[in-house]
Amino acid sequence: MNKRKDLPTSIIISGGLLQMFGLGVLIIGDSGIGKSECALELISRGHLFVSDDATCFINKNSEELLGSAPEFSRNFMEIRGLGIINIKEIFGVKSLCSQTKVDLVIQLKRWEKGREYDRLGLEFPDDYEVIGQKVSQIIIPVAPGRNIATLIEVACKVYLCRQNGYFAPKELIQRLDQALSQKSDTRGQK
């Protein structure tokens, strides 16, 4: 907990906020990377819409980071080519969440040719900090043909697994170690 007195108690950040699998998920990234289109796909899959493009955060008692939409843009989303749409009118009131605790930040980054990306999930990006609160972050490279909405859903599930103590790369390494030790044992018996 960061209880610094010099930090503001509220801030607006460029990014969209959804509630997915019980998690408050902030989606950030460069302008035009597809945050809103991805959020629209996730809403169509049944996840809850909180805000698009601008999200208000309050640091409640230095213990809980809460996000909501600014009053003027509540229920609205901007989609290039379609313009401004009203999520409540299109998907209904059940597709909305007025406020949520922020648990996870998904940062969408443009895929850079020639750059090495972590393929095993062994590296953890630094936490994302909002008003003195550290929030777990997952970075997803964006490239043509990648289904970003599905990747965000899986990222949420991976986060939940980690929270429950399950880490897939660790299991794979244990299996490889076990297979190598069995192979070593069979060589020693010849």
Protein backbone atom coordinates (compact mmCIF):
# COMPACT_ATOMS: atom_id res chain seq x y z
CA MET A 1 0.00 0.00 0.00
CA ASN A 2 1.27 3.39 -0.94
CA LYS A 3 -0.09 6.00 1.47
CA ARG A 4 1.86 8.98 0.17
CA LYS A 5 0.11 12.24 0.92
CA ASP A 6 1.41 13.96 -2.26
CA LEU A 7 -0.53 11.68 -4.63
CA PRO A 8 -3.91 12.73 -6.02
CA THR A 9 -6.93 10.72 -4.96
CA SER A 10 -8.38 10.64 -8.49
CA ILE A 11 -7.13 10.72 -12.08
CA ILE A 12 -8.37 10.14 -15.64
CA ILE A 13 -6.38 7.70 -17.79
CA SER A 14 -6.69 7.03 -21.50
CA GLY A 15 -7.96 3.47 -21.77
CA GLY A 16 -11.09 1.37 -21.65
CA LEU A 17 -12.34 -0.55 -18.63
CA LEU A 18 -14.33 -3.78 -18.65
CA GLN A 19 -15.39 -6.29 -16.05
CA MET A 20 -14.41 -9.79 -17.17
CA PHE A 21 -14.63 -13.01 -15.18
CA GLY A 22 -15.10 -10.90 -12.04
CA LEU A 23 -11.96 -8.85 -12.76
CA GLY A 24 -11.74 -5.15 -13.52
CA VAL A 25 -9.60 -5.04 -16.67
CA LEU A 26 -8.10 -1.80 -17.97
CA ILE A 27 -7.12 -1.98 -21.67
CA ILE A 28 -4.47 0.55 -22.66
CA GLY A 29 -2.30 1.10 -25.73
CA ASP A 30 -1.43 3.51 -28.50
CA SER A 31 -4.17 5.44 -30.29
CA GLY A 32 -5.60 3.41 -33.17
CA ILE A 33 -4.30 0.05 -31.94
CA GLY A 34 -7.84 -1.35 -31.60
CA LYS A 35 -8.72 -0.99 -27.92
CA SER A 36 -12.33 0.02 -28.54
CA GLU A 37 -12.94 -2.56 -31.27
CA CYS A 38 -11.55 -5.23 -29.00
CA ALA A 39 -13.71 -4.02 -26.10
CA LEU A 40 -16.75 -4.09 -28.40
CA GLU A 41 -16.03 -7.74 -29.27
CA LEU A 42 -15.64 -8.58 -25.57
CA ILE A 43 -18.96 -6.88 -24.74
CA SER A 44 -20.64 -8.90 -27.51
CA ARG A 45 -19.28 -12.02 -25.74
CA GLY A 46 -21.04 -11.02 -22.52
CA HIS A 47 -18.39 -9.08 -20.61
CA LEU A 48 -19.44 -5.86 -18.91
CA PHE A 49 -18.66 -2.37 -20.20
CA VAL A 50 -17.49 0.31 -17.78
CA SER A 51 -15.76 2.95 -19.92
CA ASP A 52 -14.13 3.66 -23.26
CA ASP A 53 -11.15 5.82 -24.05
CA ALA A 54 -11.18 7.77 -20.77
CA THR A 55 -11.49 6.12 -17.39
CA CYS A 56 -11.78 7.88 -14.02
CA PHE A 57 -9.89 6.28 -11.17
CA ILE A 58 -10.21 6.94 -7.48
CA ASN A 59 -7.90 5.57 -4.83
CA LYS A 60 -10.32 4.62 -2.10
CA ASN A 61 -8.63 4.77 1.31
CA SER A 62 -5.25 3.91 -0.32
CA GLU A 63 -6.44 0.31 -0.47
CA GLU A 64 -8.72 -0.05 -3.44
CA LEU A 65 -8.44 1.39 -6.95
CA LEU A 66 -11.88 1.92 -8.48
CA GLY A 67 -12.58 2.81 -12.10
CA SER A 68 -15.64 4.31 -13.77
CA ALA A 69 -16.61 6.33 -16.84
CA PRO A 70 -16.70 10.12 -16.73
CA GLU A 71 -20.32 11.22 -16.43
CA PHE A 72 -20.40 12.88 -19.87
CA SER A 73 -19.24 9.74 -21.73
CA ARG A 74 -20.97 7.05 -19.64
CA ASN A 75 -22.36 4.23 -21.88
CA PHE A 76 -20.72 5.68 -25.01
CA MET A 77 -17.95 4.24 -27.17
CA GLU A 78 -16.20 5.62 -30.26
CA ILE A 79 -15.57 3.17 -33.09
CA ARG A 80 -13.71 4.40 -36.17
CA GLY A 81 -16.01 4.08 -39.17
CA LEU A 82 -19.16 3.84 -37.03
CA GLY A 83 -18.73 6.92 -34.90
CA ILE A 84 -20.18 7.23 -31.40
CA ILE A 85 -22.32 4.30 -30.26
CA ASN A 86 -24.36 3.80 -27.09
CA ILE A 87 -23.56 0.41 -25.51
CA LYS A 88 -26.71 0.50 -23.37
CA GLU A 89 -28.96 1.00 -26.43
CA ILE A 90 -27.20 -1.68 -28.50
CA PHE A 91 -26.50 -4.40 -25.91
CA GLY A 92 -28.91 -3.49 -23.10
CA VAL A 93 -28.51 -2.44 -19.48
CA LYS A 94 -27.20 -5.91 -18.52
CA SER A 95 -24.03 -5.20 -20.52
CA LEU A 96 -23.06 -2.31 -18.23
CA CYS A 97 -21.14 -1.98 -14.98
CA SER A 98 -21.01 1.49 -13.44
CA GLN A 99 -17.82 0.97 -11.41
CA THR A 100 -15.31 -1.79 -10.76
CA LYS A 101 -12.18 -2.46 -8.78
CA VAL A 102 -9.17 -2.54 -11.11
CA ASP A 103 -7.34 -5.87 -10.95
CA LEU A 104 -5.44 -6.16 -14.22
CA VAL A 105 -4.00 -3.91 -16.91
CA ILE A 106 -3.75 -5.26 -20.46
CA GLN A 107 -1.34 -3.19 -22.53
CA LEU A 108 -1.68 -3.60 -26.30
CA LYS A 109 1.61 -2.94 -28.11
CA ARG A 110 2.30 -2.93 -31.83
CA TRP A 111 4.19 -6.01 -32.98
CA GLU A 112 7.74 -5.03 -33.89
CA LYS A 113 9.40 -7.15 -36.57
CA GLY A 114 12.68 -8.59 -35.34
CA ARG A 115 11.89 -8.02 -31.66
CA GLU A 116 12.11 -11.01 -29.35
CA TYR A 117 8.95 -11.75 -27.37
CA ASP A 118 8.60 -13.96 -24.31
CA ARG A 119 7.09 -17.15 -25.71
CA LEU A 120 7.04 -19.18 -22.49
CA GLY A 121 5.46 -16.70 -20.10
CA LEU A 122 8.47 -16.77 -17.79
CA GLU A 123 8.93 -13.00 -17.76
CA PHE A 124 6.56 -10.77 -15.84
CA PRO A 125 6.22 -7.15 -16.91
CA ASP A 126 6.46 -4.52 -14.23
CA ASP A 127 3.21 -3.65 -12.51
CA TYR A 128 1.29 -0.65 -13.82
CA GLU A 129 0.97 2.15 -11.28
CA VAL A 130 -2.14 4.29 -10.90
CA ILE A 131 -2.36 6.84 -8.08
CA GLY A 132 0.22 4.96 -6.04
CA GLN A 133 -1.49 1.59 -6.46
CA LYS A 134 0.36 -1.16 -8.32
CA VAL A 135 -1.79 -3.24 -10.66
CA SER A 136 -0.66 -6.45 -12.38
CA GLN A 137 0.00 -5.97 -16.08
CA ILE A 138 0.10 -8.24 -19.11
CA ILE A 139 1.47 -6.94 -22.43
CA ILE A 140 -0.03 -8.35 -25.64
CA PRO A 141 1.71 -7.69 -28.99
CA VAL A 142 -0.83 -6.71 -31.66
CA ALA A 143 -0.35 -7.84 -35.27
CA PRO A 144 -2.71 -8.48 -38.18
CA GLY A 145 -4.49 -11.80 -37.84
CA ARG A 146 -4.20 -12.06 -34.05
CA ASN A 147 -7.54 -12.35 -32.26
CA ILE A 148 -6.92 -9.78 -29.54
CA ALA A 149 -10.31 -10.26 -27.81
CA THR A 150 -9.59 -13.96 -27.34
CA LEU A 151 -6.05 -13.22 -26.17
CA ILE A 152 -7.42 -10.77 -23.58
CA GLU A 153 -9.90 -13.38 -22.32
CA VAL A 154 -7.08 -15.93 -22.02
CA ALA A 155 -4.83 -13.34 -20.33
CA CYS A 156 -7.54 -12.87 -17.70
CA LYS A 157 -7.74 -16.64 -17.17
CA VAL A 158 -3.94 -16.86 -16.92
CA TYR A 159 -4.01 -14.08 -14.31
CA LEU A 160 -6.71 -15.92 -12.33
CA CYS A 161 -4.69 -19.16 -12.51
CA ARG A 162 -1.62 -17.33 -11.19
CA GLN A 163 -3.69 -15.84 -8.38
CA ASN A 164 -4.74 -19.38 -7.46
CA GLY A 165 -1.11 -20.59 -7.47
CA TYR A 166 -1.06 -22.32 -10.89
CA PHE A 167 1.74 -21.37 -13.27
CA ALA A 168 1.73 -23.30 -16.58
CA PRO A 169 5.42 -22.71 -17.46
CA LYS A 170 6.42 -24.16 -14.08
CA GLU A 171 4.36 -27.30 -14.75
CA LEU A 172 5.94 -27.70 -18.20
CA ILE A 173 9.45 -27.30 -16.76
CA GLN A 174 8.65 -29.95 -14.12
CA ARG A 175 7.42 -32.34 -16.83
CA LEU A 176 10.56 -31.75 -18.90
CA ASP A 177 12.79 -32.28 -15.86
CA GLN A 178 10.93 -35.49 -15.07
CA ALA A 179 11.21 -36.75 -18.67
CA LEU A 180 14.93 -35.92 -18.78
CA SER A 181 15.62 -37.64 -15.45
CA GLN A 182 13.72 -40.77 -16.62
CA LYS A 183 15.73 -40.78 -19.86
CA SER A 184 18.92 -40.38 -17.84
CA ASP A 185 17.89 -43.28 -15.56
CA THR A 186 17.23 -45.60 -18.53
CA ARG A 187 20.67 -44.77 -20.02
CA GLY A 188 22.32 -45.62 -16.71
CA GLN A 189 20.59 -49.02 -16.61
CA LYS A 190 22.01 -50.18 -19.98
